[in-house]
Amino acid sequence: MCWRAWAGVTAMMTDADPPKNWQGNDLHCAGCANLVLSQAGRCQLLHACVEDRYAKRIDRFFDWNPDIAKDYLAHAYFEVRAFSVKHADVFHLPALMIDPDWRVRYEVVSRMLNDEDSAVRELARSRLPPEFLAQGKQVFSLVG
C-alpha cells in the first residue's frame, strides 16, 4: 500500500488499483514503448511498470530491468528518475545532482557517497558545499 496526495485529495493506493500513469491516464501494454519487455516477461501491468504512477511498481520495474535504467534518468516523472538512479551507471548520475526534485538529488548523493569506488565517492564529496562536509551535516539538509 502507498499513501498519495494528488490534486488535494489523500488516498491509499494498493496493488489492486487500476493502472494509471503519473498524469492520471489509463495504462495499456498495447501502446507501451516497452511492449517487447512485456512480451519477454520483464514488465507486467499492475506489478512492474515504469509508466505507472505507483512507486512500488516503478521500483519493481527497475529491479527487473536494471540494464535500461539510464534511459529513464531524464523522465518527466520524479519517481521514475529517483528509482532509475538506483540502477543506472554512476557516470550518468552527476548531472542529476541539480535535479529539480529533492528526492532525486537525495538518491544520487546517497548512491554516490556509498559507492565502493573511492573516485565516485570523491566526486560526490567535491560537489557538496565545504560547510556540509566540515560540520558533518545530514544529506537531507543538502537535498531537502
N, C-alpha and C. Protein backbone atom coordinates (compact mmCIF):
# COMPACT_ATOMS: atom_id res chain seq x y z
N MET A 1 0.83 -1.19 0.00
CA MET A 1 0.00 0.00 0.00
C MET A 1 0.87 1.25 0.00
N CYS A 2 0.35 2.30 -0.54
CA CYS A 2 1.08 3.55 -0.62
C CYS A 2 0.09 4.70 -0.47
N TRP A 3 0.43 5.67 0.38
CA TRP A 3 -0.41 6.86 0.53
C TRP A 3 0.05 7.91 -0.43
N ARG A 4 -0.87 8.51 -1.13
CA ARG A 4 -0.55 9.55 -2.09
C ARG A 4 -1.45 10.76 -1.88
N ALA A 5 -0.87 11.93 -2.01
CA ALA A 5 -1.68 13.15 -2.04
C ALA A 5 -1.64 13.66 -3.47
N TRP A 6 -2.77 13.68 -4.11
CA TRP A 6 -2.83 14.09 -5.51
C TRP A 6 -4.05 14.96 -5.70
N ALA A 7 -3.86 16.11 -6.28
CA ALA A 7 -4.95 17.05 -6.54
C ALA A 7 -5.69 17.42 -5.25
N GLY A 8 -4.93 17.51 -4.14
CA GLY A 8 -5.53 17.92 -2.88
C GLY A 8 -6.29 16.83 -2.16
N VAL A 9 -6.28 15.62 -2.67
CA VAL A 9 -7.01 14.52 -2.04
C VAL A 9 -6.00 13.45 -1.63
N THR A 10 -6.08 13.03 -0.38
CA THR A 10 -5.21 11.95 0.08
C THR A 10 -5.94 10.63 -0.09
N ALA A 11 -5.27 9.69 -0.73
CA ALA A 11 -5.90 8.39 -0.97
C ALA A 11 -4.87 7.29 -0.76
N MET A 12 -5.36 6.13 -0.36
CA MET A 12 -4.49 4.99 -0.20
C MET A 12 -4.53 4.17 -1.49
N MET A 13 -3.33 3.87 -2.02
CA MET A 13 -3.24 3.06 -3.23
C MET A 13 -2.83 1.65 -2.84
N THR A 14 -3.37 0.67 -3.54
CA THR A 14 -3.00 -0.72 -3.33
C THR A 14 -2.62 -1.32 -4.68
N ASP A 15 -2.10 -2.53 -4.65
CA ASP A 15 -1.78 -3.21 -5.90
C ASP A 15 -3.01 -3.49 -6.74
N ALA A 16 -4.20 -3.38 -6.14
CA ALA A 16 -5.44 -3.63 -6.87
C ALA A 16 -5.96 -2.38 -7.60
N ASP A 17 -5.35 -1.22 -7.34
CA ASP A 17 -5.79 0.00 -8.03
C ASP A 17 -5.57 -0.14 -9.53
N PRO A 18 -6.47 0.44 -10.33
CA PRO A 18 -6.31 0.34 -11.78
C PRO A 18 -5.02 1.04 -12.23
N PRO A 19 -4.40 0.52 -13.26
CA PRO A 19 -3.14 1.10 -13.72
C PRO A 19 -3.36 2.47 -14.37
N LYS A 20 -2.73 3.46 -13.79
CA LYS A 20 -2.78 4.84 -14.31
C LYS A 20 -1.35 5.36 -14.35
N ASN A 21 -1.08 6.25 -15.30
CA ASN A 21 0.24 6.85 -15.31
C ASN A 21 0.27 8.05 -14.37
N TRP A 22 1.41 8.69 -14.26
CA TRP A 22 1.58 9.78 -13.30
C TRP A 22 0.72 10.98 -13.62
N GLN A 23 0.15 11.03 -14.81
CA GLN A 23 -0.74 12.12 -15.19
C GLN A 23 -2.21 11.73 -15.06
N GLY A 24 -2.46 10.49 -14.57
CA GLY A 24 -3.83 10.03 -14.35
C GLY A 24 -4.47 9.34 -15.53
N ASN A 25 -3.73 9.11 -16.60
CA ASN A 25 -4.28 8.43 -17.78
C ASN A 25 -4.19 6.92 -17.62
N ASP A 26 -5.13 6.21 -18.24
CA ASP A 26 -5.12 4.74 -18.20
C ASP A 26 -3.88 4.19 -18.89
N LEU A 27 -3.39 3.07 -18.36
CA LEU A 27 -2.24 2.39 -18.95
C LEU A 27 -2.70 1.12 -19.66
N HIS A 28 -2.10 0.88 -20.82
CA HIS A 28 -2.36 -0.32 -21.60
C HIS A 28 -1.04 -0.78 -22.21
N CYS A 29 -0.73 -2.03 -22.07
CA CYS A 29 0.54 -2.55 -22.60
C CYS A 29 0.61 -2.42 -24.13
N ALA A 30 -0.51 -2.49 -24.80
CA ALA A 30 -0.53 -2.46 -26.26
C ALA A 30 0.13 -1.20 -26.83
N GLY A 31 -0.01 -0.07 -26.16
CA GLY A 31 0.55 1.17 -26.67
C GLY A 31 1.87 1.56 -26.03
N CYS A 32 2.45 0.67 -25.26
CA CYS A 32 3.66 0.99 -24.50
C CYS A 32 4.93 0.81 -25.32
N ALA A 33 5.89 1.69 -25.07
CA ALA A 33 7.20 1.60 -25.73
C ALA A 33 7.97 0.36 -25.27
N ASN A 34 7.56 -0.22 -24.15
CA ASN A 34 8.23 -1.40 -23.61
C ASN A 34 7.45 -2.69 -23.89
N LEU A 35 6.69 -2.72 -24.95
CA LEU A 35 5.89 -3.90 -25.28
C LEU A 35 6.77 -5.15 -25.41
N VAL A 36 7.95 -5.01 -25.99
CA VAL A 36 8.86 -6.14 -26.14
C VAL A 36 9.26 -6.70 -24.77
N LEU A 37 9.50 -5.80 -23.80
CA LEU A 37 9.84 -6.24 -22.45
C LEU A 37 8.65 -7.00 -21.84
N SER A 38 7.47 -6.50 -22.06
CA SER A 38 6.26 -7.15 -21.53
C SER A 38 6.12 -8.56 -22.10
N GLN A 39 6.34 -8.69 -23.39
CA GLN A 39 6.23 -9.99 -24.03
C GLN A 39 7.30 -10.96 -23.54
N ALA A 40 8.43 -10.41 -23.08
CA ALA A 40 9.52 -11.25 -22.56
C ALA A 40 9.37 -11.50 -21.06
N GLY A 41 8.31 -10.97 -20.45
CA GLY A 41 8.08 -11.16 -19.02
C GLY A 41 8.93 -10.26 -18.14
N ARG A 42 9.46 -9.16 -18.70
CA ARG A 42 10.32 -8.26 -17.94
C ARG A 42 9.57 -7.04 -17.40
N CYS A 43 8.29 -6.94 -17.66
CA CYS A 43 7.41 -5.96 -17.02
C CYS A 43 6.01 -6.53 -17.06
N GLN A 44 5.15 -5.98 -16.21
CA GLN A 44 3.80 -6.54 -16.10
C GLN A 44 2.88 -5.47 -15.54
N LEU A 45 1.81 -5.21 -16.24
CA LEU A 45 0.82 -4.25 -15.80
C LEU A 45 0.31 -4.63 -14.41
N LEU A 46 0.18 -3.65 -13.54
CA LEU A 46 -0.26 -3.82 -12.15
C LEU A 46 0.78 -4.49 -11.25
N HIS A 47 1.99 -4.69 -11.78
CA HIS A 47 3.01 -5.32 -10.95
C HIS A 47 4.38 -4.65 -11.10
N ALA A 48 4.85 -4.49 -12.32
CA ALA A 48 6.16 -3.89 -12.57
C ALA A 48 6.07 -3.08 -13.86
N CYS A 49 5.83 -1.78 -13.71
CA CYS A 49 5.60 -0.93 -14.88
C CYS A 49 6.23 0.44 -14.67
N VAL A 50 7.09 0.84 -15.58
CA VAL A 50 7.77 2.13 -15.46
C VAL A 50 6.83 3.31 -15.71
N GLU A 51 5.75 3.08 -16.40
CA GLU A 51 4.82 4.16 -16.72
C GLU A 51 3.74 4.34 -15.65
N ASP A 52 3.69 3.45 -14.67
CA ASP A 52 2.67 3.50 -13.62
C ASP A 52 2.95 4.68 -12.69
N ARG A 53 1.93 5.20 -12.03
CA ARG A 53 2.10 6.28 -11.06
C ARG A 53 2.51 5.75 -9.69
N TYR A 54 2.34 4.48 -9.45
CA TYR A 54 2.57 3.85 -8.16
C TYR A 54 4.07 3.52 -8.02
N ALA A 55 4.71 4.10 -7.02
CA ALA A 55 6.16 3.98 -6.85
C ALA A 55 6.63 2.54 -6.74
N LYS A 56 5.89 1.71 -6.05
CA LYS A 56 6.30 0.31 -5.86
C LYS A 56 6.41 -0.41 -7.21
N ARG A 57 5.52 -0.12 -8.11
CA ARG A 57 5.54 -0.76 -9.44
C ARG A 57 6.70 -0.25 -10.28
N ILE A 58 7.03 1.02 -10.14
CA ILE A 58 8.17 1.59 -10.85
C ILE A 58 9.47 0.99 -10.32
N ASP A 59 9.59 0.92 -9.01
CA ASP A 59 10.78 0.33 -8.39
C ASP A 59 10.97 -1.11 -8.85
N ARG A 60 9.91 -1.87 -8.85
CA ARG A 60 9.95 -3.27 -9.29
C ARG A 60 10.39 -3.37 -10.75
N PHE A 61 9.90 -2.44 -11.59
CA PHE A 61 10.30 -2.45 -13.00
C PHE A 61 11.82 -2.34 -13.13
N PHE A 62 12.44 -1.43 -12.36
CA PHE A 62 13.89 -1.28 -12.45
C PHE A 62 14.64 -2.43 -11.79
N ASP A 63 14.04 -3.05 -10.79
CA ASP A 63 14.65 -4.27 -10.22
C ASP A 63 14.73 -5.36 -11.29
N TRP A 64 13.71 -5.43 -12.12
CA TRP A 64 13.66 -6.44 -13.17
C TRP A 64 14.45 -6.03 -14.41
N ASN A 65 14.68 -4.73 -14.60
CA ASN A 65 15.32 -4.22 -15.82
C ASN A 65 16.42 -3.20 -15.52
N PRO A 66 17.40 -3.54 -14.71
CA PRO A 66 18.42 -2.57 -14.35
C PRO A 66 19.25 -2.09 -15.55
N ASP A 67 19.32 -2.90 -16.58
CA ASP A 67 20.12 -2.58 -17.75
C ASP A 67 19.60 -1.37 -18.54
N ILE A 68 18.35 -1.00 -18.36
CA ILE A 68 17.83 0.15 -19.10
C ILE A 68 17.53 1.36 -18.21
N ALA A 69 17.97 1.31 -16.97
CA ALA A 69 17.70 2.40 -16.03
C ALA A 69 18.22 3.74 -16.53
N LYS A 70 19.39 3.75 -17.14
CA LYS A 70 19.97 5.02 -17.61
C LYS A 70 19.09 5.71 -18.66
N ASP A 71 18.29 4.93 -19.34
CA ASP A 71 17.40 5.50 -20.37
C ASP A 71 16.25 6.31 -19.77
N TYR A 72 16.06 6.22 -18.45
CA TYR A 72 14.95 6.89 -17.79
C TYR A 72 15.40 8.00 -16.84
N LEU A 73 16.66 8.35 -16.85
CA LEU A 73 17.16 9.38 -15.93
C LEU A 73 16.60 10.78 -16.22
N ALA A 74 16.09 10.99 -17.42
CA ALA A 74 15.52 12.29 -17.77
C ALA A 74 13.99 12.25 -17.88
N HIS A 75 13.38 11.20 -17.38
CA HIS A 75 11.92 11.06 -17.46
C HIS A 75 11.24 12.23 -16.75
N ALA A 76 10.07 12.61 -17.21
CA ALA A 76 9.35 13.75 -16.64
C ALA A 76 8.85 13.50 -15.21
N TYR A 77 8.61 12.25 -14.83
CA TYR A 77 8.08 11.92 -13.51
C TYR A 77 9.23 11.68 -12.55
N PHE A 78 9.25 12.42 -11.43
CA PHE A 78 10.36 12.33 -10.48
C PHE A 78 10.54 10.94 -9.91
N GLU A 79 9.46 10.18 -9.72
CA GLU A 79 9.57 8.82 -9.17
C GLU A 79 10.39 7.93 -10.10
N VAL A 80 10.17 8.07 -11.39
CA VAL A 80 10.92 7.27 -12.37
C VAL A 80 12.40 7.64 -12.31
N ARG A 81 12.70 8.94 -12.26
CA ARG A 81 14.10 9.36 -12.17
C ARG A 81 14.74 8.84 -10.89
N ALA A 82 14.04 8.98 -9.77
CA ALA A 82 14.60 8.56 -8.48
C ALA A 82 14.90 7.06 -8.44
N PHE A 83 14.00 6.24 -8.95
CA PHE A 83 14.24 4.80 -8.93
C PHE A 83 15.26 4.37 -9.98
N SER A 84 15.33 5.09 -11.08
CA SER A 84 16.33 4.72 -12.09
C SER A 84 17.75 4.97 -11.58
N VAL A 85 17.90 5.94 -10.69
CA VAL A 85 19.21 6.25 -10.10
C VAL A 85 19.80 5.03 -9.39
N LYS A 86 18.96 4.21 -8.78
CA LYS A 86 19.43 3.04 -8.04
C LYS A 86 20.18 2.04 -8.91
N HIS A 87 19.88 2.03 -10.21
CA HIS A 87 20.46 1.01 -11.09
C HIS A 87 21.32 1.56 -12.22
N ALA A 88 21.23 2.84 -12.49
CA ALA A 88 21.99 3.41 -13.60
C ALA A 88 23.49 3.46 -13.28
N ASP A 89 24.28 3.46 -14.32
CA ASP A 89 25.72 3.60 -14.20
C ASP A 89 26.04 4.92 -13.48
N VAL A 90 26.93 4.88 -12.50
CA VAL A 90 27.21 6.08 -11.70
C VAL A 90 27.73 7.24 -12.53
N PHE A 91 28.29 6.96 -13.69
CA PHE A 91 28.83 8.04 -14.52
C PHE A 91 27.73 8.87 -15.18
N HIS A 92 26.51 8.40 -15.12
CA HIS A 92 25.37 9.16 -15.63
C HIS A 92 24.69 10.00 -14.53
N LEU A 93 25.12 9.86 -13.30
CA LEU A 93 24.42 10.47 -12.18
C LEU A 93 24.78 11.92 -11.84
N PRO A 94 26.02 12.38 -12.03
CA PRO A 94 26.35 13.74 -11.58
C PRO A 94 25.42 14.84 -12.09
N ALA A 95 24.92 14.72 -13.29
CA ALA A 95 24.01 15.75 -13.82
C ALA A 95 22.73 15.84 -12.99
N LEU A 96 22.34 14.74 -12.34
CA LEU A 96 21.12 14.74 -11.55
C LEU A 96 21.31 15.32 -10.15
N MET A 97 22.52 15.73 -9.81
CA MET A 97 22.75 16.35 -8.51
C MET A 97 22.07 17.72 -8.43
N ILE A 98 21.64 18.24 -9.56
CA ILE A 98 20.91 19.51 -9.59
C ILE A 98 19.47 19.30 -10.08
N ASP A 99 18.97 18.09 -9.97
CA ASP A 99 17.59 17.78 -10.38
C ASP A 99 16.63 18.68 -9.60
N PRO A 100 15.53 19.09 -10.21
CA PRO A 100 14.56 19.94 -9.51
C PRO A 100 13.90 19.27 -8.30
N ASP A 101 13.87 17.95 -8.26
CA ASP A 101 13.20 17.25 -7.16
C ASP A 101 14.22 16.79 -6.13
N TRP A 102 13.96 17.10 -4.86
CA TRP A 102 14.91 16.76 -3.80
C TRP A 102 15.08 15.26 -3.63
N ARG A 103 14.04 14.47 -3.94
CA ARG A 103 14.15 13.02 -3.77
C ARG A 103 15.13 12.42 -4.77
N VAL A 104 15.17 12.97 -5.96
CA VAL A 104 16.13 12.51 -6.97
C VAL A 104 17.55 12.88 -6.52
N ARG A 105 17.72 14.13 -6.07
CA ARG A 105 19.04 14.57 -5.60
C ARG A 105 19.52 13.71 -4.43
N TYR A 106 18.61 13.39 -3.52
CA TYR A 106 18.96 12.56 -2.38
C TYR A 106 19.46 11.18 -2.84
N GLU A 107 18.74 10.56 -3.76
CA GLU A 107 19.13 9.23 -4.25
C GLU A 107 20.51 9.28 -4.91
N VAL A 108 20.76 10.34 -5.67
CA VAL A 108 22.06 10.47 -6.34
C VAL A 108 23.18 10.60 -5.31
N VAL A 109 23.04 11.53 -4.39
CA VAL A 109 24.09 11.76 -3.40
C VAL A 109 24.29 10.52 -2.54
N SER A 110 23.21 9.92 -2.11
CA SER A 110 23.30 8.72 -1.28
C SER A 110 24.02 7.59 -2.02
N ARG A 111 23.65 7.40 -3.25
CA ARG A 111 24.27 6.33 -4.05
C ARG A 111 25.75 6.59 -4.26
N MET A 112 26.09 7.83 -4.58
CA MET A 112 27.49 8.15 -4.88
C MET A 112 28.35 8.13 -3.62
N LEU A 113 27.84 8.61 -2.50
CA LEU A 113 28.62 8.62 -1.26
C LEU A 113 28.85 7.22 -0.72
N ASN A 114 28.02 6.28 -1.13
CA ASN A 114 28.16 4.90 -0.66
C ASN A 114 28.75 3.96 -1.71
N ASP A 115 29.23 4.51 -2.80
CA ASP A 115 29.80 3.67 -3.86
C ASP A 115 31.10 3.04 -3.39
N GLU A 116 31.37 1.85 -3.88
CA GLU A 116 32.60 1.16 -3.48
C GLU A 116 33.84 1.79 -4.10
N ASP A 117 33.69 2.54 -5.17
CA ASP A 117 34.81 3.18 -5.84
C ASP A 117 35.12 4.52 -5.17
N SER A 118 36.32 4.67 -4.68
CA SER A 118 36.69 5.90 -3.96
C SER A 118 36.64 7.12 -4.88
N ALA A 119 36.87 6.95 -6.17
CA ALA A 119 36.80 8.08 -7.10
C ALA A 119 35.37 8.61 -7.20
N VAL A 120 34.41 7.72 -7.17
CA VAL A 120 33.00 8.13 -7.22
C VAL A 120 32.63 8.86 -5.93
N ARG A 121 33.06 8.31 -4.79
CA ARG A 121 32.78 8.97 -3.51
C ARG A 121 33.42 10.36 -3.48
N GLU A 122 34.62 10.47 -4.00
CA GLU A 122 35.31 11.77 -4.01
C GLU A 122 34.59 12.76 -4.93
N LEU A 123 34.09 12.29 -6.05
CA LEU A 123 33.31 13.16 -6.94
C LEU A 123 32.08 13.70 -6.22
N ALA A 124 31.38 12.83 -5.50
CA ALA A 124 30.19 13.26 -4.73
C ALA A 124 30.60 14.29 -3.68
N ARG A 125 31.67 14.02 -2.96
CA ARG A 125 32.13 14.97 -1.94
C ARG A 125 32.54 16.31 -2.55
N SER A 126 33.14 16.27 -3.74
CA SER A 126 33.59 17.51 -4.38
C SER A 126 32.41 18.40 -4.78
N ARG A 127 31.24 17.81 -4.94
CA ARG A 127 30.05 18.58 -5.31
C ARG A 127 29.31 19.13 -4.09
N LEU A 128 29.66 18.64 -2.90
CA LEU A 128 28.99 19.10 -1.68
C LEU A 128 29.63 20.39 -1.19
N PRO A 129 28.85 21.29 -0.62
CA PRO A 129 29.40 22.52 -0.07
C PRO A 129 30.40 22.20 1.05
N PRO A 130 31.51 22.95 1.15
CA PRO A 130 32.52 22.68 2.20
C PRO A 130 31.92 22.68 3.61
N GLU A 131 30.97 23.57 3.87
CA GLU A 131 30.39 23.62 5.21
C GLU A 131 29.60 22.34 5.53
N PHE A 132 29.08 21.70 4.51
CA PHE A 132 28.37 20.44 4.69
C PHE A 132 29.33 19.37 5.21
N LEU A 133 30.49 19.28 4.58
CA LEU A 133 31.47 18.28 4.98
C LEU A 133 32.11 18.62 6.33
N ALA A 134 32.43 19.90 6.55
CA ALA A 134 33.12 20.32 7.78
C ALA A 134 32.25 20.11 9.02
N GLN A 135 30.96 20.32 8.88
CA GLN A 135 30.07 20.21 10.03
C GLN A 135 29.40 18.85 10.14
N GLY A 136 29.65 17.97 9.16
CA GLY A 136 29.08 16.62 9.21
C GLY A 136 27.57 16.62 9.15
N LYS A 137 26.98 17.54 8.39
CA LYS A 137 25.52 17.63 8.30
C LYS A 137 24.94 16.39 7.61
N GLN A 138 23.68 16.15 7.87
CA GLN A 138 22.97 15.06 7.24
C GLN A 138 22.76 15.37 5.75
N VAL A 139 22.72 14.34 4.92
CA VAL A 139 22.46 14.51 3.50
C VAL A 139 21.13 15.21 3.27
N PHE A 140 20.14 14.95 4.13
CA PHE A 140 18.83 15.58 3.97
C PHE A 140 18.90 17.10 3.99
N SER A 141 19.84 17.68 4.75
CA SER A 141 19.91 19.13 4.80
C SER A 141 20.36 19.72 3.48
N LEU A 142 21.07 18.94 2.69
CA LEU A 142 21.52 19.41 1.38
C LEU A 142 20.39 19.31 0.36
N VAL A 143 19.64 18.25 0.42
CA VAL A 143 18.68 17.98 -0.63
C VAL A 143 17.25 18.38 -0.30
N GLY A 144 16.96 18.61 0.95
CA GLY A 144 15.58 18.88 1.35
C GLY A 144 15.17 20.30 1.25
